[in-house]
Amino acid sequence: MDQSKPNCDLCALPVEIPDFTLNTKHGLKRFCCEGCLGIYRLLHEDELVAEIYCPSPQVPDADLGS
């Protein structure tokens, strides 16, 4: 196994794609695929840290025809 790549926190296979992550009370968890991420999420839902969504500020429309 390539030691430079982290292992999946569910199945221990190497993580090839860095996009499958979850923030938990125990830190960032990395997964090799969407399936492992989903199973971990189901089994450990009480440990997940809520993601904070910050939408872009809305700019009011300019009054162009007054």
C-alpha atoms as a PDB file:
ATOM      1  CA  MET A   1       0.000   0.000   0.000  1.00  0.00           C
ATOM      2  CA  ASP A   2       1.081   3.545  -0.731  1.00  0.00           C
ATOM      3  CA  GLN A   3       1.906   5.162   2.629  1.00  0.00           C
ATOM      4  CA  SER A   4       1.493   8.724   1.277  1.00  0.00           C
ATOM      5  CA  LYS A   5      -2.292   8.319   0.891  1.00  0.00           C
ATOM      6  CA  PRO A   6      -4.591   8.223   3.916  1.00  0.00           C
ATOM      7  CA  ASN A   7      -6.698   5.134   4.486  1.00  0.00           C
ATOM      8  CA  CYS A   8     -10.483   5.109   4.440  1.00  0.00           C
ATOM      9  CA  ASP A   9     -11.875   5.490   7.961  1.00  0.00           C
ATOM     10  CA  LEU A  10     -14.398   2.714   7.280  1.00  0.00           C
ATOM     11  CA  CYS A  11     -12.771   0.008   5.141  1.00  0.00           C
ATOM     12  CA  ALA A  12      -9.062   1.008   5.331  1.00  0.00           C
ATOM     13  CA  LEU A  13      -8.541   1.095   1.547  1.00  0.00           C
ATOM     14  CA  PRO A  14      -6.371   3.963   0.241  1.00  0.00           C
ATOM     15  CA  VAL A  15      -8.249   7.220  -0.366  1.00  0.00           C
ATOM     16  CA  GLU A  16      -7.751   8.050  -4.051  1.00  0.00           C
ATOM     17  CA  ILE A  17     -10.305  10.911  -4.244  1.00  0.00           C
ATOM     18  CA  PRO A  18     -10.057  13.553  -1.484  1.00  0.00           C
ATOM     19  CA  ASP A  19     -13.685  14.766  -1.799  1.00  0.00           C
ATOM     20  CA  PHE A  20     -15.301  12.124   0.445  1.00  0.00           C
ATOM     21  CA  THR A  21     -14.909  13.648   3.925  1.00  0.00           C
ATOM     22  CA  LEU A  22     -17.011  14.244   7.041  1.00  0.00           C
ATOM     23  CA  ASN A  23     -16.400  16.551   9.983  1.00  0.00           C
ATOM     24  CA  THR A  24     -16.948  14.688  13.248  1.00  0.00           C
ATOM     25  CA  LYS A  25     -16.452  15.337  16.944  1.00  0.00           C
ATOM     26  CA  HIS A  26     -13.254  13.294  16.572  1.00  0.00           C
ATOM     27  CA  GLY A  27     -11.884  15.263  13.635  1.00  0.00           C
ATOM     28  CA  LEU A  28     -12.021  14.992   9.866  1.00  0.00           C
ATOM     29  CA  LYS A  29     -12.817  11.509   8.541  1.00  0.00           C
ATOM     30  CA  ARG A  30     -11.771  10.482   5.022  1.00  0.00           C
ATOM     31  CA  PHE A  31     -13.398   7.836   2.854  1.00  0.00           C
ATOM     32  CA  CYS A  32     -12.462   6.027  -0.348  1.00  0.00           C
ATOM     33  CA  CYS A  33     -15.944   6.284  -1.878  1.00  0.00           C
ATOM     34  CA  GLU A  34     -19.453   7.644  -1.436  1.00  0.00           C
ATOM     35  CA  GLY A  35     -20.642   4.245  -0.176  1.00  0.00           C
ATOM     36  CA  CYS A  36     -18.220   4.198   2.765  1.00  0.00           C
ATOM     37  CA  LEU A  37     -19.068   7.815   3.573  1.00  0.00           C
ATOM     38  CA  GLY A  38     -22.798   7.026   3.593  1.00  0.00           C
ATOM     39  CA  ILE A  39     -22.430   3.930   5.772  1.00  0.00           C
ATOM     40  CA  TYR A  40     -20.216   5.797   8.251  1.00  0.00           C
ATOM     41  CA  ARG A  41     -22.743   8.642   8.346  1.00  0.00           C
ATOM     42  CA  LEU A  42     -25.574   6.199   9.168  1.00  0.00           C
ATOM     43  CA  LEU A  43     -23.597   4.359  11.855  1.00  0.00           C
ATOM     44  CA  HIS A  44     -22.121   7.452  13.531  1.00  0.00           C
ATOM     45  CA  GLU A  45     -24.724  10.181  13.000  1.00  0.00           C
ATOM     46  CA  ASP A  46     -24.454  11.255  16.662  1.00  0.00           C
ATOM     47  CA  GLU A  47     -20.754  12.122  16.116  1.00  0.00           C
ATOM     48  CA  LEU A  48     -21.217  14.360  13.063  1.00  0.00           C
ATOM     49  CA  VAL A  49     -20.547  18.075  13.271  1.00  0.00           C
ATOM     50  CA  ALA A  50     -23.133  20.166  11.449  1.00  0.00           C
ATOM     51  CA  GLU A  51     -21.876  21.908   8.352  1.00  0.00           C
ATOM     52  CA  ILE A  52     -22.527  25.638   8.428  1.00  0.00           C
ATOM     53  CA  TYR A  53     -23.973  26.983   5.197  1.00  0.00           C
ATOM     54  CA  CYS A  54     -23.185  30.640   4.513  1.00  0.00           C
ATOM     55  CA  PRO A  55     -24.905  31.821   1.338  1.00  0.00           C
ATOM     56  CA  SER A  56     -23.459  34.728  -0.588  1.00  0.00           C
ATOM     57  CA  PRO A  57     -24.864  38.079   0.459  1.00  0.00           C
ATOM     58  CA  GLN A  58     -27.739  39.130  -1.766  1.00  0.00           C
ATOM     59  CA  VAL A  59     -27.374  42.429  -3.592  1.00  0.00           C
ATOM     60  CA  PRO A  60     -30.733  44.198  -4.033  1.00  0.00           C
ATOM     61  CA  ASP A  61     -31.817  44.829  -7.608  1.00  0.00           C
ATOM     62  CA  ALA A  62     -31.118  48.364  -8.794  1.00  0.00           C
ATOM     63  CA  ASP A  63     -34.199  50.475  -9.362  1.00  0.00           C
ATOM     64  CA  LEU A  64     -33.719  51.161 -13.059  1.00  0.00           C
ATOM     65  CA  GLY A  65     -37.067  52.565 -14.183  1.00  0.00           C
ATOM     66  CA  SER A  66     -38.330  55.073 -11.618  1.00  0.00           C
END
